[in-house]
Amino acid sequence: MLLVNPLGATGMLKQRAQSHAFAVADASYVLALALRRLPIGALIGFLIFDEVPEIWVGIGAAVICASSTYIARSEATITKRQG
């Protein structure tokens, strides 16, 4: 009987989905969406496991989202100037 590890299976599916996303969309857009995992994970942990996130989770999520937005906008500006 073959047993499948659910964590390994979802990790494999995540890699396949992310590879497909890179094939059809710009990398800066895909990576900006991938960074949204931290606040979503914190929300799921709160709702399902009743874990109260520390203040540093919110601060870290804000820094990550702000920096990815800044980088995406600056790259778009550079591309428009060159283009």
N, C-alpha and C. Protein backbone atom coordinates (compact mmCIF):
# COMPACT_ATOMS: atom_id res chain seq x y z
N MET A 1 0.85 -1.18 0.00
CA MET A 1 0.00 0.00 0.00
C MET A 1 0.90 1.25 0.00
N LEU A 2 0.64 2.13 -0.92
CA LEU A 2 1.43 3.35 -1.06
C LEU A 2 0.77 4.47 -0.27
N LEU A 3 1.50 5.01 0.67
CA LEU A 3 0.99 6.13 1.45
C LEU A 3 1.63 7.41 0.94
N VAL A 4 0.83 8.43 0.77
CA VAL A 4 1.32 9.71 0.27
C VAL A 4 1.35 10.70 1.43
N ASN A 5 2.48 11.34 1.57
CA ASN A 5 2.64 12.37 2.59
C ASN A 5 1.89 13.62 2.13
N PRO A 6 0.88 14.09 2.86
CA PRO A 6 0.12 15.25 2.40
C PRO A 6 0.97 16.51 2.28
N LEU A 7 1.93 16.68 3.17
CA LEU A 7 2.79 17.85 3.09
C LEU A 7 3.65 17.80 1.83
N GLY A 8 4.18 16.63 1.52
CA GLY A 8 4.97 16.48 0.30
C GLY A 8 4.13 16.66 -0.95
N ALA A 9 2.90 16.15 -0.93
CA ALA A 9 2.03 16.28 -2.09
C ALA A 9 1.63 17.73 -2.33
N THR A 10 1.30 18.46 -1.27
CA THR A 10 0.94 19.86 -1.46
C THR A 10 2.15 20.70 -1.85
N GLY A 11 3.33 20.33 -1.34
CA GLY A 11 4.55 21.02 -1.75
C GLY A 11 4.83 20.82 -3.23
N MET A 12 4.62 19.61 -3.72
CA MET A 12 4.82 19.32 -5.14
C MET A 12 3.82 20.10 -5.99
N LEU A 13 2.57 20.13 -5.57
CA LEU A 13 1.56 20.87 -6.31
C LEU A 13 1.86 22.37 -6.31
N LYS A 14 2.39 22.88 -5.20
CA LYS A 14 2.75 24.29 -5.12
C LYS A 14 3.86 24.63 -6.11
N GLN A 15 4.86 23.75 -6.19
CA GLN A 15 5.96 23.98 -7.12
C GLN A 15 5.48 23.96 -8.57
N ARG A 16 4.59 23.03 -8.89
CA ARG A 16 4.06 22.95 -10.26
C ARG A 16 3.23 24.19 -10.60
N ALA A 17 2.42 24.63 -9.64
CA ALA A 17 1.59 25.82 -9.87
C ALA A 17 2.46 27.06 -10.02
N GLN A 18 3.51 27.17 -9.20
CA GLN A 18 4.38 28.34 -9.29
C GLN A 18 5.18 28.32 -10.59
N SER A 19 5.61 27.16 -11.04
CA SER A 19 6.31 27.07 -12.32
C SER A 19 5.40 27.49 -13.47
N HIS A 20 4.16 27.08 -13.41
CA HIS A 20 3.20 27.48 -14.44
C HIS A 20 2.94 28.99 -14.38
N ALA A 21 2.87 29.54 -13.17
CA ALA A 21 2.65 30.98 -13.02
C ALA A 21 3.81 31.76 -13.62
N PHE A 22 5.06 31.30 -13.41
CA PHE A 22 6.21 31.97 -14.01
C PHE A 22 6.17 31.88 -15.53
N ALA A 23 5.59 30.82 -16.07
CA ALA A 23 5.52 30.65 -17.52
C ALA A 23 4.51 31.61 -18.15
N VAL A 24 3.46 31.96 -17.42
CA VAL A 24 2.40 32.78 -18.02
C VAL A 24 2.37 34.22 -17.54
N ALA A 25 3.12 34.57 -16.50
CA ALA A 25 3.07 35.93 -15.97
C ALA A 25 4.48 36.43 -15.68
N ASP A 26 4.58 37.72 -15.46
CA ASP A 26 5.85 38.35 -15.12
C ASP A 26 6.31 37.90 -13.74
N ALA A 27 7.61 37.68 -13.59
CA ALA A 27 8.15 37.16 -12.33
C ALA A 27 7.90 38.12 -11.16
N SER A 28 7.99 39.42 -11.38
CA SER A 28 7.77 40.35 -10.28
C SER A 28 6.34 40.27 -9.76
N TYR A 29 5.39 40.02 -10.63
CA TYR A 29 3.99 39.89 -10.21
C TYR A 29 3.79 38.59 -9.43
N VAL A 30 4.37 37.50 -9.93
CA VAL A 30 4.22 36.20 -9.27
C VAL A 30 4.86 36.23 -7.88
N LEU A 31 6.05 36.79 -7.77
CA LEU A 31 6.73 36.82 -6.48
C LEU A 31 6.03 37.75 -5.50
N ALA A 32 5.46 38.83 -5.99
CA ALA A 32 4.71 39.73 -5.10
C ALA A 32 3.51 39.00 -4.50
N LEU A 33 2.85 38.18 -5.29
CA LEU A 33 1.72 37.42 -4.76
C LEU A 33 2.20 36.29 -3.84
N ALA A 34 3.36 35.72 -4.13
CA ALA A 34 3.88 34.64 -3.29
C ALA A 34 4.22 35.14 -1.89
N LEU A 35 4.57 36.40 -1.76
CA LEU A 35 4.92 36.95 -0.45
C LEU A 35 3.71 37.18 0.44
N ARG A 36 2.54 37.00 -0.11
CA ARG A 36 1.32 37.17 0.69
C ARG A 36 1.06 35.95 1.58
N ARG A 37 1.94 34.95 1.50
CA ARG A 37 1.74 33.74 2.30
C ARG A 37 1.84 34.01 3.80
N LEU A 38 2.67 34.94 4.22
CA LEU A 38 2.85 35.20 5.66
C LEU A 38 1.55 35.68 6.32
N PRO A 39 0.91 36.73 5.80
CA PRO A 39 -0.33 37.15 6.48
C PRO A 39 -1.45 36.12 6.34
N ILE A 40 -1.50 35.42 5.21
CA ILE A 40 -2.54 34.39 5.05
C ILE A 40 -2.29 33.25 6.02
N GLY A 41 -1.03 32.85 6.18
CA GLY A 41 -0.71 31.79 7.14
C GLY A 41 -1.03 32.19 8.56
N ALA A 42 -0.75 33.44 8.89
CA ALA A 42 -1.08 33.92 10.24
C ALA A 42 -2.60 33.91 10.46
N LEU A 43 -3.35 34.29 9.45
CA LEU A 43 -4.81 34.29 9.57
C LEU A 43 -5.35 32.87 9.73
N ILE A 44 -4.82 31.93 8.93
CA ILE A 44 -5.26 30.53 9.05
C ILE A 44 -4.90 29.98 10.42
N GLY A 45 -3.69 30.28 10.91
CA GLY A 45 -3.30 29.84 12.24
C GLY A 45 -4.21 30.38 13.32
N PHE A 46 -4.64 31.62 13.15
CA PHE A 46 -5.55 32.22 14.13
C PHE A 46 -6.92 31.57 14.08
N LEU A 47 -7.45 31.38 12.87
CA LEU A 47 -8.80 30.86 12.72
C LEU A 47 -8.90 29.37 13.05
N ILE A 48 -7.93 28.59 12.63
CA ILE A 48 -8.03 27.14 12.80
C ILE A 48 -7.41 26.67 14.12
N PHE A 49 -6.23 27.19 14.46
CA PHE A 49 -5.50 26.68 15.62
C PHE A 49 -5.57 27.60 16.82
N ASP A 50 -6.31 28.70 16.71
CA ASP A 50 -6.48 29.65 17.80
C ASP A 50 -5.13 30.20 18.30
N GLU A 51 -4.20 30.42 17.36
CA GLU A 51 -2.91 31.02 17.69
C GLU A 51 -3.01 32.52 17.51
N VAL A 52 -2.60 33.24 18.51
CA VAL A 52 -2.59 34.70 18.42
C VAL A 52 -1.21 35.13 17.95
N PRO A 53 -1.11 35.72 16.78
CA PRO A 53 0.21 36.11 16.28
C PRO A 53 0.78 37.27 17.09
N GLU A 54 2.10 37.26 17.21
CA GLU A 54 2.77 38.34 17.90
C GLU A 54 2.77 39.59 17.01
N ILE A 55 3.12 40.70 17.59
CA ILE A 55 3.15 41.97 16.86
C ILE A 55 4.16 41.91 15.73
N TRP A 56 5.22 41.11 15.90
CA TRP A 56 6.27 41.04 14.89
C TRP A 56 5.79 40.39 13.60
N VAL A 57 4.77 39.56 13.66
CA VAL A 57 4.20 39.00 12.44
C VAL A 57 3.58 40.11 11.59
N GLY A 58 2.85 40.99 12.23
CA GLY A 58 2.24 42.11 11.51
C GLY A 58 3.27 43.07 10.97
N ILE A 59 4.28 43.35 11.77
CA ILE A 59 5.34 44.26 11.32
C ILE A 59 6.10 43.65 10.15
N GLY A 60 6.43 42.37 10.26
CA GLY A 60 7.14 41.69 9.18
C GLY A 60 6.32 41.63 7.90
N ALA A 61 5.03 41.35 8.03
CA ALA A 61 4.16 41.32 6.87
C ALA A 61 4.07 42.69 6.21
N ALA A 62 4.00 43.73 7.02
CA ALA A 62 3.93 45.09 6.46
C ALA A 62 5.21 45.45 5.73
N VAL A 63 6.36 45.08 6.30
CA VAL A 63 7.65 45.36 5.64
C VAL A 63 7.75 44.59 4.33
N ILE A 64 7.38 43.32 4.34
CA ILE A 64 7.47 42.50 3.13
C ILE A 64 6.54 43.04 2.04
N CYS A 65 5.31 43.35 2.38
CA CYS A 65 4.35 43.86 1.38
C CYS A 65 4.78 45.23 0.85
N ALA A 66 5.24 46.10 1.74
CA ALA A 66 5.66 47.43 1.30
C ALA A 66 6.89 47.35 0.40
N SER A 67 7.85 46.52 0.77
CA SER A 67 9.07 46.43 -0.05
C SER A 67 8.80 45.78 -1.39
N SER A 68 7.94 44.76 -1.43
CA SER A 68 7.63 44.13 -2.72
C SER A 68 6.85 45.08 -3.62
N THR A 69 5.97 45.88 -3.04
CA THR A 69 5.24 46.87 -3.83
C THR A 69 6.18 47.94 -4.37
N TYR A 70 7.09 48.41 -3.54
CA TYR A 70 8.07 49.41 -3.96
C TYR A 70 8.95 48.89 -5.10
N ILE A 71 9.43 47.67 -4.95
CA ILE A 71 10.30 47.10 -5.98
C ILE A 71 9.54 46.91 -7.29
N ALA A 72 8.31 46.41 -7.21
CA ALA A 72 7.51 46.20 -8.42
C ALA A 72 7.25 47.53 -9.14
N ARG A 73 6.93 48.57 -8.38
CA ARG A 73 6.68 49.88 -9.01
C ARG A 73 7.93 50.49 -9.60
N SER A 74 9.06 50.36 -8.90
CA SER A 74 10.29 50.93 -9.43
C SER A 74 10.76 50.17 -10.68
N GLU A 75 10.57 48.86 -10.71
CA GLU A 75 10.92 48.09 -11.90
C GLU A 75 10.01 48.47 -13.08
N ALA A 76 8.76 48.71 -12.80
CA ALA A 76 7.84 49.12 -13.87
C ALA A 76 8.22 50.49 -14.42
N THR A 77 8.65 51.39 -13.55
CA THR A 77 9.09 52.72 -13.99
C THR A 77 10.35 52.63 -14.85
N ILE A 78 11.28 51.79 -14.44
CA ILE A 78 12.52 51.61 -15.21
C ILE A 78 12.22 51.01 -16.57
N THR A 79 11.32 50.05 -16.61
CA THR A 79 10.96 49.41 -17.88
C THR A 79 10.29 50.41 -18.82
N LYS A 80 9.43 51.30 -18.30
CA LYS A 80 8.77 52.30 -19.13
C LYS A 80 9.78 53.29 -19.70
N ARG A 81 10.78 53.66 -18.92
CA ARG A 81 11.78 54.61 -19.39
C ARG A 81 12.65 54.01 -20.49
N GLN A 82 12.95 52.73 -20.38
CA GLN A 82 13.81 52.08 -21.37
C GLN A 82 13.05 51.74 -22.64
N GLY A 83 11.78 51.64 -22.53
CA GLY A 83 11.04 51.12 -23.53
C GLY A 83 10.32 51.41 -24.63
